[in-house]
Amino acid sequence: MRGTAEILLVLSAALLAAGPSAARRPPPLRDPVLVRIGMICRWDRACMQDQQSAMEAALHYVDRKSPPARRIRACNRNAARGADRTDWVGFYNCIRNRRIGR
C-alpha cells in the first residue's frame, strides 16, 4: 500500500511542477495545421516543435526571398506525405537549396 501512495505523490508532484497551463491545455483539434503536424509526428512534442519552427522559417523565407515557382513546386512534391500533409523540415531544407528546381 505504501508503494501506491508514493507513486501517487510523485505523479501529483510532477503535475504541479509542469505548471497550470500544461494540465489545462486543450488538445489542438481546432487548428488543422497542428492536427496535420501531429499526425506526421505521431504526437511527439519534440517532433511537433521542430515541424512548427521549420514551417514558420520556411514561410518567412518564401515571403522574404520569393523563390521561383518551379522550386516551390519541386519542394512541395518532395515534402508531400500523403493528402494534405507536409514534412515542413524537408520543405525548409529544400526551399533553401538553390540547386532544386533548375
N, C-alpha and C. Protein backbone atom coordinates (compact mmCIF):
# COMPACT_ATOMS: atom_id res chain seq x y z
N MET A 1 0.81 -1.19 0.00
CA MET A 1 0.00 0.00 0.00
C MET A 1 0.86 1.26 0.00
N ARG A 2 1.99 1.18 0.69
CA ARG A 2 2.85 2.35 0.76
C ARG A 2 3.42 2.69 -0.61
N GLY A 3 3.73 1.71 -1.43
CA GLY A 3 4.26 1.93 -2.77
C GLY A 3 3.28 2.72 -3.64
N THR A 4 2.00 2.41 -3.52
CA THR A 4 0.97 3.11 -4.29
C THR A 4 0.87 4.56 -3.86
N ALA A 5 0.95 4.83 -2.59
CA ALA A 5 0.89 6.20 -2.09
C ALA A 5 2.09 7.01 -2.56
N GLU A 6 3.25 6.38 -2.57
CA GLU A 6 4.45 7.08 -3.04
C GLU A 6 4.35 7.40 -4.53
N ILE A 7 3.81 6.47 -5.31
CA ILE A 7 3.65 6.71 -6.75
C ILE A 7 2.67 7.86 -6.98
N LEU A 8 1.57 7.89 -6.26
CA LEU A 8 0.61 8.98 -6.40
C LEU A 8 1.22 10.32 -6.00
N LEU A 9 2.04 10.32 -4.97
CA LEU A 9 2.70 11.55 -4.53
C LEU A 9 3.66 12.04 -5.60
N VAL A 10 4.42 11.15 -6.20
CA VAL A 10 5.36 11.53 -7.24
C VAL A 10 4.62 12.05 -8.47
N LEU A 11 3.54 11.38 -8.86
CA LEU A 11 2.76 11.83 -10.02
C LEU A 11 2.12 13.20 -9.79
N SER A 12 1.58 13.42 -8.61
CA SER A 12 0.97 14.72 -8.34
C SER A 12 2.03 15.82 -8.29
N ALA A 13 3.21 15.51 -7.76
CA ALA A 13 4.29 16.50 -7.75
C ALA A 13 4.74 16.83 -9.17
N ALA A 14 4.77 15.83 -10.03
CA ALA A 14 5.15 16.06 -11.42
C ALA A 14 4.13 16.94 -12.14
N LEU A 15 2.86 16.72 -11.88
CA LEU A 15 1.83 17.56 -12.49
C LEU A 15 1.90 19.00 -11.99
N LEU A 16 2.18 19.17 -10.72
CA LEU A 16 2.32 20.52 -10.18
C LEU A 16 3.55 21.21 -10.75
N ALA A 17 4.62 20.48 -10.94
CA ALA A 17 5.85 21.06 -11.48
C ALA A 17 5.68 21.45 -12.94
N ALA A 18 4.81 20.75 -13.66
CA ALA A 18 4.58 21.06 -15.06
C ALA A 18 3.89 22.40 -15.24
N GLY A 19 3.25 22.89 -14.22
CA GLY A 19 2.58 24.17 -14.29
C GLY A 19 1.11 24.04 -14.60
N PRO A 20 0.36 25.09 -14.34
CA PRO A 20 -1.09 25.03 -14.56
C PRO A 20 -1.47 24.99 -16.03
N SER A 21 -0.66 25.59 -16.90
CA SER A 21 -1.05 25.62 -18.30
C SER A 21 -0.93 24.24 -18.95
N ALA A 22 0.04 23.43 -18.52
CA ALA A 22 0.20 22.10 -19.10
C ALA A 22 -0.95 21.19 -18.72
N ALA A 23 -1.46 21.34 -17.52
CA ALA A 23 -2.55 20.48 -17.08
C ALA A 23 -3.88 20.86 -17.73
N ARG A 24 -4.06 22.14 -18.06
CA ARG A 24 -5.34 22.61 -18.61
C ARG A 24 -5.31 22.89 -20.10
N ARG A 25 -4.21 22.62 -20.75
CA ARG A 25 -4.09 22.93 -22.17
C ARG A 25 -4.99 22.01 -22.98
N PRO A 26 -5.89 22.57 -23.80
CA PRO A 26 -6.78 21.73 -24.60
C PRO A 26 -6.02 21.11 -25.78
N PRO A 27 -6.50 20.00 -26.30
CA PRO A 27 -5.85 19.41 -27.47
C PRO A 27 -6.00 20.33 -28.68
N PRO A 28 -5.07 20.28 -29.62
CA PRO A 28 -5.10 21.21 -30.75
C PRO A 28 -6.04 20.78 -31.86
N LEU A 29 -7.21 20.30 -31.52
CA LEU A 29 -8.12 19.76 -32.52
C LEU A 29 -8.77 20.83 -33.40
N ARG A 30 -8.77 22.06 -32.95
CA ARG A 30 -9.41 23.12 -33.73
C ARG A 30 -8.44 23.77 -34.72
N ASP A 31 -7.17 23.45 -34.64
CA ASP A 31 -6.17 24.00 -35.55
C ASP A 31 -5.76 22.93 -36.55
N PRO A 32 -6.22 23.02 -37.81
CA PRO A 32 -5.94 21.95 -38.77
C PRO A 32 -4.45 21.77 -39.07
N VAL A 33 -3.67 22.84 -38.99
CA VAL A 33 -2.23 22.71 -39.23
C VAL A 33 -1.58 21.87 -38.14
N LEU A 34 -1.94 22.14 -36.90
CA LEU A 34 -1.37 21.36 -35.79
C LEU A 34 -1.83 19.90 -35.83
N VAL A 35 -3.04 19.67 -36.28
CA VAL A 35 -3.52 18.29 -36.39
C VAL A 35 -2.70 17.55 -37.44
N ARG A 36 -2.46 18.19 -38.58
CA ARG A 36 -1.66 17.54 -39.63
C ARG A 36 -0.24 17.29 -39.17
N ILE A 37 0.36 18.27 -38.49
CA ILE A 37 1.71 18.09 -37.96
C ILE A 37 1.71 16.98 -36.92
N GLY A 38 0.70 16.94 -36.08
CA GLY A 38 0.60 15.89 -35.07
C GLY A 38 0.49 14.50 -35.68
N MET A 39 -0.22 14.40 -36.80
CA MET A 39 -0.36 13.11 -37.46
C MET A 39 0.98 12.66 -38.06
N ILE A 40 1.73 13.59 -38.61
CA ILE A 40 3.04 13.24 -39.16
C ILE A 40 3.99 12.81 -38.05
N CYS A 41 3.96 13.55 -36.94
CA CYS A 41 4.90 13.30 -35.84
C CYS A 41 4.41 12.25 -34.86
N ARG A 42 3.22 11.72 -35.08
CA ARG A 42 2.62 10.78 -34.14
C ARG A 42 2.54 11.37 -32.74
N TRP A 43 2.26 12.68 -32.68
CA TRP A 43 2.01 13.44 -31.46
C TRP A 43 3.22 13.52 -30.53
N ASP A 44 4.42 13.35 -31.07
CA ASP A 44 5.65 13.54 -30.30
C ASP A 44 5.92 15.04 -30.22
N ARG A 45 6.00 15.58 -29.01
CA ARG A 45 6.11 17.03 -28.84
C ARG A 45 7.38 17.61 -29.45
N ALA A 46 8.50 16.93 -29.30
CA ALA A 46 9.75 17.45 -29.86
C ALA A 46 9.67 17.52 -31.38
N CYS A 47 9.12 16.49 -31.98
CA CYS A 47 8.95 16.48 -33.43
C CYS A 47 7.99 17.59 -33.87
N MET A 48 6.91 17.76 -33.13
CA MET A 48 5.94 18.80 -33.48
C MET A 48 6.56 20.19 -33.39
N GLN A 49 7.39 20.42 -32.38
CA GLN A 49 8.04 21.72 -32.25
C GLN A 49 9.02 21.95 -33.39
N ASP A 50 9.75 20.90 -33.78
CA ASP A 50 10.67 21.02 -34.92
C ASP A 50 9.90 21.36 -36.20
N GLN A 51 8.78 20.67 -36.41
CA GLN A 51 7.97 20.90 -37.61
C GLN A 51 7.39 22.32 -37.62
N GLN A 52 6.90 22.78 -36.46
CA GLN A 52 6.32 24.12 -36.40
C GLN A 52 7.36 25.20 -36.65
N SER A 53 8.54 25.06 -36.05
CA SER A 53 9.57 26.08 -36.26
C SER A 53 10.06 26.05 -37.71
N ALA A 54 10.16 24.86 -38.31
CA ALA A 54 10.55 24.76 -39.72
C ALA A 54 9.48 25.37 -40.62
N MET A 55 8.21 25.18 -40.28
CA MET A 55 7.12 25.77 -41.05
C MET A 55 7.20 27.29 -41.02
N GLU A 56 7.38 27.84 -39.83
CA GLU A 56 7.47 29.30 -39.70
C GLU A 56 8.67 29.85 -40.45
N ALA A 57 9.82 29.17 -40.34
CA ALA A 57 11.03 29.62 -41.03
C ALA A 57 10.87 29.52 -42.54
N ALA A 58 10.26 28.44 -43.02
CA ALA A 58 10.07 28.27 -44.46
C ALA A 58 9.12 29.32 -45.02
N LEU A 59 8.03 29.57 -44.33
CA LEU A 59 7.09 30.58 -44.80
C LEU A 59 7.70 31.97 -44.78
N HIS A 60 8.50 32.24 -43.76
CA HIS A 60 9.20 33.52 -43.68
C HIS A 60 10.20 33.66 -44.83
N TYR A 61 10.93 32.58 -45.13
CA TYR A 61 11.91 32.60 -46.22
C TYR A 61 11.22 32.83 -47.56
N VAL A 62 10.12 32.12 -47.80
CA VAL A 62 9.40 32.27 -49.07
C VAL A 62 8.85 33.69 -49.21
N ASP A 63 8.36 34.24 -48.12
CA ASP A 63 7.82 35.60 -48.15
C ASP A 63 8.93 36.63 -48.40
N ARG A 64 10.08 36.40 -47.80
CA ARG A 64 11.17 37.37 -47.89
C ARG A 64 11.94 37.26 -49.20
N LYS A 65 12.25 36.04 -49.65
CA LYS A 65 13.13 35.85 -50.81
C LYS A 65 12.39 35.62 -52.13
N SER A 66 11.15 35.23 -52.10
CA SER A 66 10.35 34.94 -53.30
C SER A 66 11.10 34.02 -54.27
N PRO A 67 11.31 32.75 -53.88
CA PRO A 67 11.99 31.83 -54.79
C PRO A 67 11.13 31.53 -56.01
N PRO A 68 11.73 31.02 -57.08
CA PRO A 68 10.95 30.74 -58.29
C PRO A 68 9.86 29.69 -58.03
N ALA A 69 8.79 29.80 -58.79
CA ALA A 69 7.65 28.90 -58.62
C ALA A 69 8.05 27.45 -58.87
N ARG A 70 8.96 27.20 -59.78
CA ARG A 70 9.37 25.82 -60.06
C ARG A 70 10.07 25.19 -58.86
N ARG A 71 10.80 25.99 -58.08
CA ARG A 71 11.44 25.46 -56.87
C ARG A 71 10.39 25.15 -55.81
N ILE A 72 9.40 26.01 -55.68
CA ILE A 72 8.32 25.77 -54.71
C ILE A 72 7.55 24.51 -55.07
N ARG A 73 7.24 24.33 -56.36
CA ARG A 73 6.53 23.12 -56.79
C ARG A 73 7.37 21.88 -56.53
N ALA A 74 8.66 21.94 -56.84
CA ALA A 74 9.53 20.78 -56.62
C ALA A 74 9.63 20.45 -55.13
N CYS A 75 9.71 21.46 -54.30
CA CYS A 75 9.81 21.22 -52.85
C CYS A 75 8.49 20.73 -52.27
N ASN A 76 7.38 21.19 -52.81
CA ASN A 76 6.08 20.67 -52.38
C ASN A 76 5.96 19.19 -52.69
N ARG A 77 6.39 18.79 -53.89
CA ARG A 77 6.36 17.37 -54.24
C ARG A 77 7.31 16.57 -53.35
N ASN A 78 8.48 17.12 -53.08
CA ASN A 78 9.48 16.44 -52.27
C ASN A 78 9.01 16.26 -50.82
N ALA A 79 8.31 17.25 -50.28
CA ALA A 79 7.93 17.22 -48.87
C ALA A 79 6.54 16.63 -48.62
N ALA A 80 5.84 16.23 -49.67
CA ALA A 80 4.48 15.70 -49.51
C ALA A 80 4.51 14.36 -48.78
N ARG A 81 3.62 14.23 -47.81
CA ARG A 81 3.48 12.99 -47.04
C ARG A 81 2.03 12.55 -47.04
N GLY A 82 1.48 12.35 -48.19
CA GLY A 82 0.07 11.97 -48.29
C GLY A 82 -0.79 13.19 -48.52
N ALA A 83 -2.08 12.96 -48.52
CA ALA A 83 -3.03 14.04 -48.78
C ALA A 83 -2.98 15.10 -47.67
N ASP A 84 -2.76 16.33 -48.06
CA ASP A 84 -2.77 17.49 -47.14
C ASP A 84 -1.76 17.39 -46.02
N ARG A 85 -0.68 16.65 -46.19
CA ARG A 85 0.35 16.59 -45.14
C ARG A 85 1.70 16.97 -45.74
N THR A 86 2.44 17.77 -45.01
CA THR A 86 3.74 18.25 -45.48
C THR A 86 4.77 18.06 -44.40
N ASP A 87 5.92 17.55 -44.79
CA ASP A 87 7.07 17.48 -43.91
C ASP A 87 7.76 18.84 -44.00
N TRP A 88 7.52 19.70 -43.00
CA TRP A 88 8.00 21.07 -43.06
C TRP A 88 9.50 21.17 -42.93
N VAL A 89 10.13 20.27 -42.22
CA VAL A 89 11.59 20.28 -42.13
C VAL A 89 12.18 19.99 -43.50
N GLY A 90 11.62 19.01 -44.19
CA GLY A 90 12.07 18.70 -45.54
C GLY A 90 11.82 19.84 -46.51
N PHE A 91 10.66 20.49 -46.39
CA PHE A 91 10.35 21.62 -47.26
C PHE A 91 11.32 22.77 -47.01
N TYR A 92 11.61 23.05 -45.75
CA TYR A 92 12.52 24.15 -45.42
C TYR A 92 13.92 23.88 -45.98
N ASN A 93 14.40 22.66 -45.82
CA ASN A 93 15.72 22.33 -46.35
C ASN A 93 15.74 22.41 -47.87
N CYS A 94 14.66 21.99 -48.49
CA CYS A 94 14.57 22.01 -49.94
C CYS A 94 14.48 23.44 -50.48
N ILE A 95 13.66 24.26 -49.88
CA ILE A 95 13.41 25.60 -50.41
C ILE A 95 14.66 26.48 -50.33
N ARG A 96 15.53 26.19 -49.37
CA ARG A 96 16.77 26.97 -49.24
C ARG A 96 17.87 26.46 -50.15
N ASN A 97 17.68 25.29 -50.77
CA ASN A 97 18.68 24.72 -51.66
C ASN A 97 18.51 25.32 -53.05
N ARG A 98 19.46 26.08 -53.47
CA ARG A 98 19.36 26.79 -54.75
C ARG A 98 19.48 25.87 -55.97
N ARG A 99 19.97 24.65 -55.77
CA ARG A 99 20.12 23.72 -56.89
C ARG A 99 18.80 23.05 -57.25
N ILE A 100 17.79 23.12 -56.38
CA ILE A 100 16.48 22.50 -56.65
C ILE A 100 15.69 23.37 -57.61
N GLY A 101 15.03 22.75 -58.56
CA GLY A 101 14.12 23.45 -59.46
C GLY A 101 14.80 24.04 -60.69
N ARG A 102 16.01 23.64 -60.95
CA ARG A 102 16.68 24.14 -62.18
C ARG A 102 16.38 23.25 -63.35
